Amino acid sequence: MRRSPRRLLGALAAVTVAFTLFSSAPTAGAAQTAAGTAAPAARAAAQPLATSTPVVFVHGYTGNASNWVTARSVFQLNGWSSSNLFAYEYNSYGNNITNAQGLATFVNDVKSRTGASKVAIVNHSMGGLVSQYYLKVLGGNTSVSHLASIAGANHGTTYAGACLIYTTCQQMYPGSSFIAQITAGDETPGDTKYATWYSACDGIILPYTSTKLSGATNNNVACQTHIGYLADTVVLGRIARFVAS
């Protein structure tokens, strides 16, 4: 039985309308979901970071202030003024107790210059030992709002066996009396917020989990080398946001 062209066109129109209704419903739902997801994200992005806290960078063994060129740029991109970013330098071959005492003096000077009641400390490698001694043994935690340890030798590293002629390396070797002093009891004293970043690809901090601190937010980076952290803008950006929290 043959249908008239008019009836065929009517049937096709009905199918087309039904298809449009059913296919457009999920699209509308997806748009609403995307809008709902985007709104909190936009609000979060609109919230300014707390970037008024001065930051003190503490380098590692054989390092210096130039290690923090990329970090300083990342912090400035996240809202810090260059006048609130400081790099502490110390003697890599001397004694980390003396180095920690020097850090205490440096922090007090930064507080005096900026008028801030507290600073944030970002350290790398052996700078972790200098920082931990300052915060724990010298009571520096009362002057530090945040401590971020990047591949810190916080529980020592067997790699230090290659330079045991120096006191700093003797102190950095696992099981040393220096390590015992900074790890005994509470590893994260005071109201300071602590965080660490460590990676199985480190190659210098052995074992690589040595960086982790009990009581800190410990961040396992998928794969980053010991020196690579200093140019890793992604990790450095996360550290800037941690310090701003």
Protein backbone atom coordinates (compact mmCIF):
# COMPACT_ATOMS: atom_id res chain seq x y z
CA MET A 1 0.00 0.00 0.00
CA ARG A 2 1.53 3.28 -1.02
CA ARG A 3 1.49 6.24 1.36
CA SER A 4 0.91 9.76 0.15
CA PRO A 5 3.93 12.12 0.11
CA ARG A 6 2.16 14.35 2.66
CA ARG A 7 1.85 11.47 5.17
CA LEU A 8 5.48 10.51 4.67
CA LEU A 9 6.65 14.07 5.30
CA GLY A 10 4.54 14.24 8.46
CA ALA A 11 6.05 11.03 9.78
CA LEU A 12 9.59 12.23 9.07
CA ALA A 13 8.90 15.53 10.84
CA ALA A 14 7.65 13.71 13.93
CA VAL A 15 10.77 11.50 14.04
CA THR A 16 13.00 14.54 13.60
CA VAL A 17 11.34 16.40 16.49
CA ALA A 18 11.58 13.36 18.77
CA PHE A 19 15.27 12.83 17.92
CA THR A 20 16.02 16.49 18.60
CA LEU A 21 14.32 16.40 22.00
CA PHE A 22 16.09 13.25 23.16
CA SER A 23 19.51 14.20 21.83
CA SER A 24 19.42 17.73 23.19
CA ALA A 25 18.44 16.76 26.74
CA PRO A 26 21.86 15.34 27.74
CA THR A 27 23.59 18.30 26.10
CA ALA A 28 21.61 20.71 28.24
CA GLY A 29 22.41 18.65 31.31
CA ALA A 30 26.10 18.64 30.44
CA ALA A 31 26.03 22.39 30.00
CA GLN A 32 24.44 22.80 33.41
CA THR A 33 27.03 20.46 34.97
CA ALA A 34 29.88 22.34 33.35
CA ALA A 35 28.45 25.63 34.55
CA GLY A 36 28.03 24.24 38.04
CA THR A 37 31.62 22.99 38.06
CA ALA A 38 33.02 26.17 36.59
CA ALA A 39 31.37 28.44 39.13
CA PRO A 40 33.28 27.19 42.22
CA ALA A 41 36.48 27.06 40.15
CA ALA A 42 35.97 30.66 39.05
CA ARG A 43 35.29 31.73 42.61
CA ALA A 44 38.46 29.92 43.80
CA ALA A 45 40.53 31.55 41.07
CA ALA A 46 39.13 34.94 41.98
CA GLN A 47 40.27 34.64 45.59
CA PRO A 48 43.60 36.47 46.02
CA LEU A 49 46.51 34.56 47.54
CA ALA A 50 47.95 35.67 50.87
CA THR A 51 51.32 36.83 49.57
CA SER A 52 52.38 39.33 52.21
CA THR A 53 54.46 36.80 54.21
CA PRO A 54 58.19 37.18 53.50
CA VAL A 55 59.81 34.03 52.10
CA VAL A 56 63.30 32.87 53.06
CA PHE A 57 64.91 30.36 50.67
CA VAL A 58 67.57 28.03 52.12
CA HIS A 59 69.82 26.28 49.58
CA GLY A 60 71.40 22.83 49.83
CA TYR A 61 74.95 21.46 49.97
CA THR A 62 77.32 23.52 47.74
CA GLY A 63 74.36 25.70 46.71
CA ASN A 64 73.88 29.47 46.80
CA ALA A 65 71.27 32.16 46.25
CA SER A 66 71.31 31.65 42.47
CA ASN A 67 69.60 28.28 42.99
CA TRP A 68 66.36 30.19 43.62
CA VAL A 69 66.14 32.28 40.45
CA THR A 70 63.25 30.23 39.05
CA ALA A 71 61.53 29.95 42.43
CA ARG A 72 61.65 33.71 42.90
CA SER A 73 60.06 34.21 39.47
CA VAL A 74 57.31 31.69 40.26
CA PHE A 75 56.55 33.36 43.59
CA GLN A 76 56.42 36.76 41.92
CA LEU A 77 54.00 35.40 39.31
CA ASN A 78 51.86 34.23 42.22
CA GLY A 79 51.72 37.72 43.69
CA TRP A 80 54.81 38.19 45.86
CA SER A 81 56.78 41.39 45.74
CA SER A 82 60.47 40.92 45.01
CA SER A 83 61.15 42.88 48.20
CA ASN A 84 59.58 40.04 50.21
CA LEU A 85 61.76 37.27 48.76
CA PHE A 86 65.10 36.52 50.45
CA ALA A 87 67.84 33.90 50.00
CA TYR A 88 69.96 32.81 52.94
CA GLU A 89 73.51 31.65 52.15
CA TYR A 90 75.72 29.62 54.47
CA ASN A 91 78.94 27.60 54.57
CA SER A 92 78.30 24.16 53.05
CA TYR A 93 81.53 22.78 54.53
CA GLY A 94 81.27 24.13 58.07
CA ASN A 95 78.79 23.10 60.74
CA ASN A 96 75.01 22.99 60.36
CA ILE A 97 74.54 24.14 63.94
CA THR A 98 76.39 27.33 63.07
CA ASN A 99 74.44 27.51 59.81
CA ALA A 100 71.15 27.22 61.73
CA GLN A 101 72.23 29.97 64.12
CA GLY A 102 73.00 32.12 61.09
CA LEU A 103 69.52 31.36 59.74
CA ALA A 104 68.02 32.55 63.03
CA THR A 105 69.87 35.85 62.71
CA PHE A 106 68.86 36.15 59.05
CA VAL A 107 65.15 35.55 59.82
CA ASN A 108 65.21 38.14 62.59
CA ASP A 109 66.76 40.62 60.16
CA VAL A 110 64.05 39.89 57.56
CA LYS A 111 61.33 40.38 60.17
CA SER A 112 62.89 43.68 61.18
CA ARG A 113 63.21 44.90 57.59
CA THR A 114 59.69 43.91 56.54
CA GLY A 115 57.81 44.44 59.78
CA ALA A 116 56.42 40.90 59.54
CA SER A 117 55.86 38.82 62.66
CA LYS A 118 56.64 35.57 60.80
CA VAL A 119 58.34 34.36 57.63
CA ALA A 120 57.92 31.28 55.45
CA ILE A 121 60.91 29.04 54.79
CA VAL A 122 61.45 27.08 51.58
CA ASN A 123 64.47 24.78 51.71
CA HIS A 124 66.22 22.31 49.42
CA SER A 125 68.42 19.30 50.21
CA MET A 126 70.79 19.96 53.15
CA GLY A 127 68.86 23.16 53.73
CA GLY A 128 66.32 20.86 55.36
CA LEU A 129 68.78 20.09 58.16
CA VAL A 130 69.60 23.76 58.69
CA SER A 131 65.91 24.64 58.78
CA GLN A 132 64.85 21.77 61.06
CA TYR A 133 67.56 22.59 63.60
CA TYR A 134 66.49 26.23 63.58
CA LEU A 135 62.78 25.47 64.01
CA LYS A 136 63.10 22.64 66.51
CA VAL A 137 66.25 23.11 68.55
CA LEU A 138 66.56 26.90 68.41
CA GLY A 139 62.80 27.50 68.77
CA GLY A 140 62.48 29.17 65.38
CA ASN A 141 59.02 27.69 64.78
CA THR A 142 57.53 30.70 66.58
CA SER A 143 58.87 32.90 63.76
CA VAL A 144 57.88 30.62 60.86
CA SER A 145 54.36 30.37 59.45
CA HIS A 146 55.11 27.74 56.77
CA LEU A 147 58.00 25.39 56.07
CA ALA A 148 58.29 23.77 52.64
CA SER A 149 61.05 21.18 52.30
CA ILE A 150 62.02 20.26 48.73
CA ALA A 151 63.99 16.99 48.63
CA GLY A 152 65.20 17.82 52.12
CA ALA A 153 67.79 15.56 53.75
CA ASN A 154 65.58 15.60 56.82
CA HIS A 155 66.46 12.07 57.96
CA GLY A 156 69.85 12.04 56.26
CA THR A 157 71.15 10.53 53.04
CA THR A 158 73.73 7.80 52.46
CA TYR A 159 74.97 9.91 49.55
CA ALA A 160 76.71 12.05 52.18
CA GLY A 161 79.18 9.20 52.58
CA ALA A 162 81.03 10.69 49.61
CA CYS A 163 81.99 13.85 51.54
CA LEU A 164 82.45 12.75 55.15
CA ILE A 165 85.63 14.84 55.46
CA TYR A 166 83.27 17.78 56.07
CA THR A 167 81.27 18.25 59.28
CA THR A 168 78.11 19.10 57.38
CA CYS A 169 78.23 15.76 55.54
CA GLN A 170 78.90 13.86 58.76
CA GLN A 171 75.79 15.52 60.18
CA MET A 172 73.83 14.67 57.04
CA TYR A 173 74.63 10.94 57.18
CA PRO A 174 71.74 8.76 58.48
CA GLY A 175 72.11 7.90 62.16
CA SER A 176 74.27 10.91 63.02
CA SER A 177 73.76 12.61 66.38
CA PHE A 178 72.61 15.70 64.47
CA ILE A 179 69.86 13.72 62.70
CA ALA A 180 68.88 12.09 65.99
CA GLN A 181 68.48 15.52 67.59
CA ILE A 182 66.19 16.99 64.94
CA THR A 183 64.06 13.86 64.51
CA ALA A 184 63.55 12.90 68.17
CA GLY A 185 59.99 13.43 69.38
CA ASP A 186 57.91 15.94 67.44
CA GLU A 187 59.33 16.49 63.94
CA THR A 188 56.92 19.35 63.20
CA PRO A 189 56.81 21.49 66.36
CA GLY A 190 54.67 24.55 66.99
CA ASP A 191 51.90 26.08 64.90
CA THR A 192 54.01 26.12 61.73
CA LYS A 193 52.46 24.46 58.68
CA TYR A 194 54.88 21.85 57.30
CA ALA A 195 54.97 20.26 53.84
CA THR A 196 57.54 18.22 51.93
CA TRP A 197 58.06 17.22 48.30
CA TYR A 198 59.97 14.00 47.54
CA SER A 199 60.46 11.63 44.60
CA ALA A 200 61.78 8.14 43.89
CA CYS A 201 63.75 9.67 40.98
CA ASP A 202 65.70 11.99 43.32
CA GLY A 203 69.02 10.13 43.11
CA ILE A 204 70.72 12.15 45.89
CA ILE A 205 68.45 11.74 48.90
CA LEU A 206 68.86 8.04 49.69
CA PRO A 207 66.48 6.65 50.68
CA TYR A 208 64.23 9.16 48.93
CA THR A 209 61.61 8.88 51.69
CA SER A 210 64.10 10.54 54.04
CA THR A 211 62.51 13.87 53.16
CA LYS A 212 59.15 13.02 54.74
CA LEU A 213 58.37 14.55 58.12
CA SER A 214 55.94 13.06 60.61
CA GLY A 215 53.06 15.50 60.98
CA ALA A 216 53.70 17.27 57.66
CA THR A 217 51.79 17.17 54.39
CA ASN A 218 54.15 14.90 52.43
CA ASN A 219 53.82 15.17 48.64
CA ASN A 220 55.13 12.29 46.51
CA VAL A 221 56.20 13.71 43.14
CA ALA A 222 55.93 11.11 40.36
CA CYS A 223 59.45 11.57 39.03
CA GLN A 224 61.80 14.48 39.58
CA THR A 225 65.56 14.62 40.01
CA HIS A 226 67.22 16.27 42.98
CA ILE A 227 68.40 19.35 41.08
CA GLY A 228 65.43 19.28 38.69
CA TYR A 229 63.14 20.57 41.42
CA LEU A 230 64.86 23.95 41.29
CA ALA A 231 63.55 24.50 37.76
CA ASP A 232 60.22 22.68 38.15
CA THR A 233 57.70 25.50 37.81
CA VAL A 234 54.76 23.15 38.48
CA VAL A 235 56.08 21.99 41.86
CA LEU A 236 57.32 25.48 42.72
CA GLY A 237 53.85 26.83 41.92
CA ARG A 238 52.31 24.32 44.31
CA ILE A 239 54.77 25.38 46.96
CA ALA A 240 53.87 29.04 46.43
CA ARG A 241 50.19 28.18 46.89
CA PHE A 242 51.01 26.17 50.01
CA VAL A 243 52.89 29.13 51.49
CA ALA A 244 49.92 31.36 50.63
CA SER A 245 47.46 29.03 52.39
